[in-house]
Amino acid sequence: MLLWDYLYAISIMSIEEVLEDLRENIYCRIKSSQGRGVGVFAIRGIPSGIDPFPGTPILDYARLLEKQLSDDPTMPEGVKEMVRDFCVTEDGAYLIPTQTLNLLNISFFVNHSSEAPNLEAREEKGDMTFYTLRDIKEGEELLVDYRTYSDDWK
């Protein structure tokens, strides 16, 4: 499937559906996070036990070994850094979204906290889904313990 075909397939909603999605499913935005660059923040209260990113597409992943990434002289260093920053590792391999890194959804910007995570990651249908561990207040940053799902943090 071509990228534009993929985008078209996931974006067909009537104006009524778009408005409903905005009212019911949009909980977060990306903004500056003190000491962390950017992060994901609640733009309204988020109840405990829900996926705060409903509607994000399920991604397929390719496995890329660090050696493959490091040894590729044609890969720009900035792209290598992006893979290392955003992609989860499992059994020594980066899991790279096959739909292109240009489609990273908001959940890829959730920051780490081992002391006070308010999200947990669960693997569902071969993809990572986040769930709130408690009610999250408007303006609060969403945080997850990366050690629970990425080998690099264990």
N, C-alpha and C. Protein backbone atom coordinates (compact mmCIF):
# COMPACT_ATOMS: atom_id res chain seq x y z
N MET A 1 0.84 -1.17 0.00
CA MET A 1 0.00 0.00 0.00
C MET A 1 0.89 1.24 0.00
N LEU A 2 0.63 2.16 -0.86
CA LEU A 2 1.37 3.41 -0.90
C LEU A 2 1.00 4.29 0.30
N LEU A 3 1.91 5.15 0.71
CA LEU A 3 1.68 6.02 1.85
C LEU A 3 0.39 6.81 1.71
N TRP A 4 0.16 7.42 0.56
CA TRP A 4 -1.04 8.24 0.39
C TRP A 4 -2.30 7.39 0.43
N ASP A 5 -2.24 6.17 -0.09
CA ASP A 5 -3.38 5.26 0.02
C ASP A 5 -3.66 4.95 1.48
N TYR A 6 -2.61 4.73 2.26
CA TYR A 6 -2.75 4.44 3.69
C TYR A 6 -3.39 5.64 4.40
N LEU A 7 -2.87 6.82 4.15
CA LEU A 7 -3.42 8.01 4.79
C LEU A 7 -4.88 8.22 4.41
N TYR A 8 -5.20 8.00 3.16
CA TYR A 8 -6.59 8.16 2.71
C TYR A 8 -7.49 7.14 3.39
N ALA A 9 -7.00 5.90 3.52
CA ALA A 9 -7.80 4.84 4.12
C ALA A 9 -8.12 5.13 5.58
N ILE A 10 -7.20 5.77 6.31
CA ILE A 10 -7.45 6.02 7.73
C ILE A 10 -8.11 7.37 7.98
N SER A 11 -8.29 8.18 6.95
CA SER A 11 -8.76 9.54 7.20
C SER A 11 -10.16 9.84 6.69
N ILE A 12 -10.89 8.84 6.26
CA ILE A 12 -12.22 9.11 5.72
C ILE A 12 -13.22 9.20 6.86
N MET A 13 -13.61 10.43 7.20
CA MET A 13 -14.65 10.67 8.18
C MET A 13 -15.48 11.83 7.69
N SER A 14 -16.76 11.76 7.97
CA SER A 14 -17.62 12.90 7.65
C SER A 14 -17.31 14.02 8.64
N ILE A 15 -17.79 15.22 8.38
CA ILE A 15 -17.56 16.34 9.30
C ILE A 15 -18.19 16.04 10.66
N GLU A 16 -19.31 15.35 10.66
CA GLU A 16 -19.95 14.98 11.93
C GLU A 16 -19.05 14.02 12.72
N GLU A 17 -18.43 13.07 12.02
CA GLU A 17 -17.52 12.12 12.68
C GLU A 17 -16.26 12.83 13.18
N VAL A 18 -15.76 13.77 12.40
CA VAL A 18 -14.59 14.55 12.83
C VAL A 18 -14.92 15.31 14.11
N LEU A 19 -16.08 15.98 14.13
CA LEU A 19 -16.48 16.73 15.33
C LEU A 19 -16.66 15.80 16.53
N GLU A 20 -17.27 14.65 16.32
CA GLU A 20 -17.43 13.66 17.40
C GLU A 20 -16.07 13.20 17.91
N ASP A 21 -15.14 12.93 17.00
CA ASP A 21 -13.80 12.51 17.38
C ASP A 21 -13.12 13.59 18.22
N LEU A 22 -13.24 14.84 17.81
CA LEU A 22 -12.65 15.94 18.57
C LEU A 22 -13.26 16.04 19.97
N ARG A 23 -14.58 15.85 20.06
CA ARG A 23 -15.27 15.94 21.35
C ARG A 23 -14.94 14.76 22.28
N GLU A 24 -14.86 13.56 21.70
CA GLU A 24 -14.80 12.35 22.50
C GLU A 24 -13.42 11.71 22.63
N ASN A 25 -12.53 11.87 21.65
CA ASN A 25 -11.31 11.07 21.60
C ASN A 25 -10.00 11.84 21.71
N ILE A 26 -10.04 13.13 21.74
CA ILE A 26 -8.81 13.90 21.79
C ILE A 26 -8.57 14.36 23.23
N TYR A 27 -7.55 13.77 23.84
CA TYR A 27 -7.24 14.03 25.24
C TYR A 27 -5.93 14.78 25.44
N CYS A 28 -5.04 14.75 24.46
CA CYS A 28 -3.66 15.18 24.68
C CYS A 28 -3.13 16.04 23.55
N ARG A 29 -2.04 16.71 23.88
CA ARG A 29 -1.27 17.46 22.89
C ARG A 29 0.20 17.40 23.26
N ILE A 30 1.04 17.68 22.27
CA ILE A 30 2.49 17.75 22.50
C ILE A 30 2.83 19.20 22.84
N LYS A 31 3.64 19.38 23.88
CA LYS A 31 4.14 20.71 24.19
C LYS A 31 5.44 20.58 24.96
N SER A 32 6.07 21.70 25.25
CA SER A 32 7.35 21.72 25.94
C SER A 32 7.23 21.08 27.32
N SER A 33 8.24 20.26 27.64
CA SER A 33 8.28 19.56 28.92
C SER A 33 9.58 19.94 29.63
N GLN A 34 9.48 20.53 30.80
CA GLN A 34 10.67 21.02 31.50
C GLN A 34 11.67 19.89 31.74
N GLY A 35 12.88 20.09 31.21
CA GLY A 35 13.95 19.13 31.38
C GLY A 35 13.87 17.91 30.49
N ARG A 36 12.84 17.83 29.63
CA ARG A 36 12.65 16.65 28.79
C ARG A 36 12.47 16.99 27.31
N GLY A 37 12.59 18.22 26.93
CA GLY A 37 12.33 18.60 25.53
C GLY A 37 10.84 18.80 25.33
N VAL A 38 10.20 17.84 24.70
CA VAL A 38 8.75 17.89 24.54
C VAL A 38 8.14 16.66 25.20
N GLY A 39 6.87 16.76 25.48
CA GLY A 39 6.15 15.65 26.09
C GLY A 39 4.68 15.72 25.71
N VAL A 40 3.91 14.79 26.24
CA VAL A 40 2.48 14.71 25.97
C VAL A 40 1.74 15.14 27.23
N PHE A 41 0.82 16.08 27.06
CA PHE A 41 0.08 16.66 28.18
C PHE A 41 -1.42 16.53 27.96
N ALA A 42 -2.12 16.33 29.08
CA ALA A 42 -3.59 16.25 29.03
C ALA A 42 -4.16 17.63 28.76
N ILE A 43 -5.06 17.73 27.79
CA ILE A 43 -5.75 18.99 27.51
C ILE A 43 -7.15 18.99 28.12
N ARG A 44 -7.48 17.89 28.78
CA ARG A 44 -8.70 17.78 29.59
C ARG A 44 -8.49 16.58 30.52
N GLY A 45 -9.36 16.42 31.48
CA GLY A 45 -9.24 15.28 32.38
C GLY A 45 -9.35 13.97 31.62
N ILE A 46 -8.53 13.00 32.02
CA ILE A 46 -8.54 11.69 31.38
C ILE A 46 -8.86 10.66 32.46
N PRO A 47 -9.92 9.87 32.27
CA PRO A 47 -10.28 8.88 33.29
C PRO A 47 -9.25 7.75 33.39
N SER A 48 -9.21 7.12 34.53
CA SER A 48 -8.37 5.96 34.76
C SER A 48 -8.83 4.79 33.90
N GLY A 49 -7.84 4.00 33.42
CA GLY A 49 -8.15 2.74 32.73
C GLY A 49 -8.49 2.84 31.26
N ILE A 50 -8.24 4.00 30.63
CA ILE A 50 -8.57 4.12 29.20
C ILE A 50 -7.31 4.36 28.37
N ASP A 51 -7.44 4.12 27.08
CA ASP A 51 -6.40 4.45 26.11
C ASP A 51 -6.53 5.93 25.80
N PRO A 52 -5.56 6.77 26.17
CA PRO A 52 -5.68 8.20 25.91
C PRO A 52 -5.39 8.59 24.46
N PHE A 53 -5.08 7.59 23.61
CA PHE A 53 -4.77 7.86 22.21
C PHE A 53 -5.67 7.02 21.28
N PRO A 54 -6.98 7.03 21.48
CA PRO A 54 -7.83 6.18 20.64
C PRO A 54 -7.77 6.62 19.18
N GLY A 55 -7.84 5.65 18.30
CA GLY A 55 -7.84 5.96 16.88
C GLY A 55 -6.47 5.96 16.24
N THR A 56 -5.40 5.84 17.03
CA THR A 56 -4.09 5.78 16.41
C THR A 56 -3.97 4.44 15.70
N PRO A 57 -3.40 4.45 14.50
CA PRO A 57 -3.36 3.21 13.71
C PRO A 57 -2.44 2.16 14.31
N ILE A 58 -2.83 0.91 14.15
CA ILE A 58 -1.97 -0.20 14.54
C ILE A 58 -0.84 -0.27 13.52
N LEU A 59 0.37 -0.33 14.02
CA LEU A 59 1.53 -0.30 13.14
C LEU A 59 2.12 -1.69 12.97
N ASP A 60 2.70 -1.92 11.80
CA ASP A 60 3.52 -3.10 11.57
C ASP A 60 4.97 -2.65 11.78
N TYR A 61 5.80 -3.59 12.20
CA TYR A 61 7.18 -3.25 12.51
C TYR A 61 8.16 -4.15 11.78
N ALA A 62 9.28 -3.57 11.40
CA ALA A 62 10.43 -4.32 10.88
C ALA A 62 11.48 -4.32 11.98
N ARG A 63 12.26 -5.40 12.04
CA ARG A 63 13.32 -5.51 13.04
C ARG A 63 14.65 -5.07 12.43
N LEU A 64 15.31 -4.13 13.09
CA LEU A 64 16.58 -3.60 12.60
C LEU A 64 17.61 -3.71 13.71
N LEU A 65 18.68 -4.44 13.45
CA LEU A 65 19.74 -4.60 14.44
C LEU A 65 20.58 -3.33 14.52
N GLU A 66 21.13 -3.05 15.70
CA GLU A 66 21.99 -1.88 15.88
C GLU A 66 23.15 -1.91 14.90
N LYS A 67 23.74 -3.08 14.65
CA LYS A 67 24.85 -3.20 13.71
C LYS A 67 24.42 -2.77 12.31
N GLN A 68 23.23 -3.16 11.89
CA GLN A 68 22.72 -2.75 10.58
C GLN A 68 22.60 -1.23 10.51
N LEU A 69 22.09 -0.64 11.58
CA LEU A 69 21.92 0.80 11.63
C LEU A 69 23.28 1.50 11.66
N SER A 70 24.15 1.07 12.56
CA SER A 70 25.46 1.71 12.72
C SER A 70 26.34 1.58 11.49
N ASP A 71 26.30 0.41 10.84
CA ASP A 71 27.21 0.13 9.73
C ASP A 71 26.74 0.67 8.38
N ASP A 72 25.57 1.29 8.34
CA ASP A 72 25.06 1.81 7.07
C ASP A 72 25.64 3.20 6.81
N PRO A 73 26.62 3.32 5.89
CA PRO A 73 27.25 4.62 5.65
C PRO A 73 26.35 5.60 4.90
N THR A 74 25.27 5.12 4.30
CA THR A 74 24.38 6.01 3.55
C THR A 74 23.26 6.57 4.41
N MET A 75 23.11 6.04 5.63
CA MET A 75 22.05 6.51 6.52
C MET A 75 22.51 7.79 7.21
N PRO A 76 21.76 8.89 7.08
CA PRO A 76 22.14 10.12 7.77
C PRO A 76 22.16 9.92 9.28
N GLU A 77 23.13 10.55 9.94
CA GLU A 77 23.29 10.40 11.38
C GLU A 77 22.03 10.86 12.13
N GLY A 78 21.36 11.89 11.63
CA GLY A 78 20.13 12.36 12.27
C GLY A 78 19.02 11.32 12.24
N VAL A 79 18.96 10.54 11.18
CA VAL A 79 17.97 9.46 11.08
C VAL A 79 18.33 8.34 12.06
N LYS A 80 19.61 8.00 12.14
CA LYS A 80 20.05 6.98 13.11
C LYS A 80 19.67 7.41 14.53
N GLU A 81 19.90 8.68 14.83
CA GLU A 81 19.56 9.20 16.15
C GLU A 81 18.04 9.12 16.40
N MET A 82 17.25 9.42 15.39
CA MET A 82 15.80 9.34 15.52
C MET A 82 15.35 7.91 15.82
N VAL A 83 15.92 6.93 15.11
CA VAL A 83 15.59 5.52 15.37
C VAL A 83 15.93 5.18 16.82
N ARG A 84 17.10 5.58 17.27
CA ARG A 84 17.52 5.26 18.64
C ARG A 84 16.64 5.96 19.69
N ASP A 85 16.18 7.17 19.37
CA ASP A 85 15.36 7.93 20.31
C ASP A 85 13.91 7.45 20.39
N PHE A 86 13.35 7.03 19.26
CA PHE A 86 11.91 6.77 19.22
C PHE A 86 11.51 5.31 19.14
N CYS A 87 12.40 4.44 18.73
CA CYS A 87 11.99 3.05 18.49
C CYS A 87 12.31 2.15 19.67
N VAL A 88 11.36 1.35 20.04
CA VAL A 88 11.49 0.38 21.12
C VAL A 88 12.45 -0.71 20.67
N THR A 89 13.20 -1.28 21.63
CA THR A 89 14.06 -2.42 21.31
C THR A 89 13.49 -3.68 21.94
N GLU A 90 13.65 -4.76 21.20
CA GLU A 90 13.18 -6.06 21.65
C GLU A 90 14.16 -7.11 21.14
N ASP A 91 14.70 -7.90 22.04
CA ASP A 91 15.67 -8.94 21.68
C ASP A 91 16.81 -8.39 20.84
N GLY A 92 17.30 -7.21 21.20
CA GLY A 92 18.45 -6.62 20.53
C GLY A 92 18.19 -5.94 19.20
N ALA A 93 16.92 -5.79 18.85
CA ALA A 93 16.59 -5.15 17.57
C ALA A 93 15.63 -3.98 17.80
N TYR A 94 15.82 -2.93 17.01
CA TYR A 94 14.87 -1.82 17.01
C TYR A 94 13.63 -2.26 16.25
N LEU A 95 12.46 -1.90 16.76
CA LEU A 95 11.20 -2.15 16.05
C LEU A 95 10.85 -0.86 15.31
N ILE A 96 10.99 -0.90 13.98
CA ILE A 96 10.80 0.28 13.13
C ILE A 96 9.43 0.21 12.47
N PRO A 97 8.58 1.23 12.64
CA PRO A 97 7.28 1.20 11.94
C PRO A 97 7.49 1.12 10.43
N THR A 98 6.85 0.14 9.80
CA THR A 98 7.02 -0.04 8.35
C THR A 98 6.23 0.99 7.56
N GLN A 99 5.36 1.74 8.20
CA GLN A 99 4.58 2.75 7.48
C GLN A 99 5.36 4.05 7.29
N THR A 100 6.52 4.21 7.86
CA THR A 100 7.46 5.33 7.79
C THR A 100 7.48 6.07 9.12
N LEU A 101 8.66 6.49 9.51
CA LEU A 101 8.80 7.26 10.74
C LEU A 101 8.10 8.61 10.65
N ASN A 102 7.78 9.05 9.46
CA ASN A 102 7.07 10.32 9.30
C ASN A 102 5.64 10.27 9.82
N LEU A 103 5.14 9.07 10.12
CA LEU A 103 3.78 8.93 10.64
C LEU A 103 3.74 8.66 12.15
N LEU A 104 4.79 8.97 12.87
CA LEU A 104 4.77 8.73 14.31
C LEU A 104 3.59 9.46 14.93
N ASN A 105 2.82 8.73 15.75
CA ASN A 105 1.68 9.37 16.39
C ASN A 105 2.10 9.96 17.74
N ILE A 106 1.20 10.64 18.37
CA ILE A 106 1.49 11.38 19.60
C ILE A 106 2.04 10.49 20.71
N SER A 107 1.67 9.22 20.72
CA SER A 107 2.13 8.33 21.79
C SER A 107 3.64 8.12 21.77
N PHE A 108 4.30 8.35 20.64
CA PHE A 108 5.74 8.21 20.55
C PHE A 108 6.47 9.31 21.34
N PHE A 109 5.76 10.33 21.78
CA PHE A 109 6.36 11.45 22.49
C PHE A 109 6.13 11.41 24.00
N VAL A 110 5.57 10.30 24.51
CA VAL A 110 5.38 10.14 25.95
C VAL A 110 6.75 9.94 26.59
N ASN A 111 7.00 10.70 27.65
CA ASN A 111 8.29 10.64 28.35
C ASN A 111 8.31 9.55 29.42
N HIS A 112 9.53 9.25 29.88
CA HIS A 112 9.79 8.20 30.87
C HIS A 112 9.74 8.73 32.30
N SER A 113 9.16 7.91 33.17
CA SER A 113 9.28 8.12 34.61
C SER A 113 9.24 6.77 35.30
N SER A 114 10.26 6.48 36.07
CA SER A 114 10.23 5.24 36.85
C SER A 114 9.61 5.48 38.23
N GLU A 115 9.56 6.75 38.65
CA GLU A 115 9.01 7.08 39.97
C GLU A 115 7.50 7.30 39.96
N ALA A 116 6.99 7.94 38.92
CA ALA A 116 5.58 8.32 38.95
C ALA A 116 4.90 8.16 37.58
N PRO A 117 4.96 6.97 37.00
CA PRO A 117 4.24 6.81 35.73
C PRO A 117 2.73 6.88 35.95
N ASN A 118 2.03 7.49 34.99
CA ASN A 118 0.57 7.50 35.06
C ASN A 118 -0.05 6.74 33.89
N LEU A 119 0.82 6.11 33.09
CA LEU A 119 0.41 5.23 31.99
C LEU A 119 1.11 3.89 32.14
N GLU A 120 0.49 2.87 31.57
CA GLU A 120 1.16 1.58 31.42
C GLU A 120 1.03 1.18 29.96
N ALA A 121 2.01 0.42 29.50
CA ALA A 121 2.02 -0.07 28.12
C ALA A 121 1.59 -1.53 28.13
N ARG A 122 0.68 -1.86 27.22
CA ARG A 122 0.24 -3.25 27.06
C ARG A 122 0.38 -3.63 25.59
N GLU A 123 0.87 -4.83 25.34
CA GLU A 123 0.93 -5.30 23.96
C GLU A 123 -0.41 -5.92 23.61
N GLU A 124 -1.02 -5.39 22.56
CA GLU A 124 -2.32 -5.87 22.09
C GLU A 124 -2.28 -5.97 20.58
N LYS A 125 -2.62 -7.14 20.07
CA LYS A 125 -2.67 -7.36 18.62
C LYS A 125 -1.34 -6.99 17.96
N GLY A 126 -0.24 -7.28 18.64
CA GLY A 126 1.07 -7.03 18.08
C GLY A 126 1.51 -5.57 18.12
N ASP A 127 0.75 -4.72 18.78
CA ASP A 127 1.10 -3.30 18.87
C ASP A 127 1.07 -2.87 20.33
N MET A 128 1.71 -1.77 20.63
CA MET A 128 1.75 -1.24 21.97
C MET A 128 0.58 -0.28 22.15
N THR A 129 -0.18 -0.48 23.22
CA THR A 129 -1.28 0.41 23.57
C THR A 129 -1.06 0.91 24.98
N PHE A 130 -1.29 2.18 25.20
CA PHE A 130 -1.12 2.77 26.53
C PHE A 130 -2.48 2.89 27.21
N TYR A 131 -2.47 2.72 28.54
CA TYR A 131 -3.67 2.88 29.36
C TYR A 131 -3.32 3.72 30.57
N THR A 132 -4.25 4.55 30.99
CA THR A 132 -4.04 5.39 32.17
C THR A 132 -4.13 4.53 33.42
N LEU A 133 -3.21 4.75 34.35
CA LEU A 133 -3.18 4.01 35.62
C LEU A 133 -4.07 4.66 36.67
N ARG A 134 -4.40 5.91 36.44
CA ARG A 134 -5.25 6.68 37.37
C ARG A 134 -5.84 7.84 36.59
N ASP A 135 -6.75 8.57 37.21
CA ASP A 135 -7.27 9.78 36.59
C ASP A 135 -6.11 10.76 36.39
N ILE A 136 -6.10 11.40 35.23
CA ILE A 136 -5.06 12.38 34.91
C ILE A 136 -5.73 13.74 34.75
N LYS A 137 -5.18 14.74 35.41
CA LYS A 137 -5.76 16.08 35.40
C LYS A 137 -5.33 16.86 34.17
N GLU A 138 -6.18 17.79 33.75
CA GLU A 138 -5.84 18.71 32.67
C GLU A 138 -4.52 19.40 33.00
N GLY A 139 -3.62 19.46 32.02
CA GLY A 139 -2.32 20.11 32.19
C GLY A 139 -1.21 19.18 32.68
N GLU A 140 -1.58 17.99 33.13
CA GLU A 140 -0.59 17.03 33.64
C GLU A 140 0.11 16.31 32.49
N GLU A 141 1.41 16.08 32.65
CA GLU A 141 2.16 15.34 31.63
C GLU A 141 1.91 13.84 31.78
N LEU A 142 1.74 13.16 30.65
CA LEU A 142 1.59 11.71 30.64
C LEU A 142 2.98 11.09 30.63
N LEU A 143 3.19 10.11 31.52
CA LEU A 143 4.50 9.48 31.69
C LEU A 143 4.33 7.97 31.79
N VAL A 144 5.32 7.24 31.27
CA VAL A 144 5.30 5.78 31.33
C VAL A 144 6.70 5.31 31.71
N ASP A 145 6.77 4.15 32.35
CA ASP A 145 8.07 3.57 32.69
C ASP A 145 8.54 2.76 31.48
N TYR A 146 9.53 3.29 30.75
CA TYR A 146 10.02 2.63 29.55
C TYR A 146 10.54 1.22 29.83
N ARG A 147 11.00 0.97 31.06
CA ARG A 147 11.56 -0.34 31.40
C ARG A 147 10.53 -1.46 31.25
N THR A 148 9.26 -1.11 31.25
CA THR A 148 8.22 -2.14 31.17
C THR A 148 8.03 -2.68 29.76
N TYR A 149 8.63 -2.02 28.76
CA TYR A 149 8.42 -2.51 27.40
C TYR A 149 9.58 -2.33 26.43
N SER A 150 10.68 -1.77 26.84
CA SER A 150 11.82 -1.61 25.94
C SER A 150 13.08 -2.17 26.58
N ASP A 151 13.73 -3.08 25.89
CA ASP A 151 14.95 -3.73 26.41
C ASP A 151 16.04 -2.73 26.76
N ASP A 152 16.13 -1.60 26.05
CA ASP A 152 17.16 -0.61 26.31
C ASP A 152 17.08 -0.03 27.72
N TRP A 153 15.91 -0.08 28.33
CA TRP A 153 15.70 0.54 29.63
C TRP A 153 15.70 -0.48 30.77
N LYS A 154 15.84 -1.76 30.46
CA LYS A 154 15.80 -2.79 31.51
C LYS A 154 17.12 -2.95 32.20
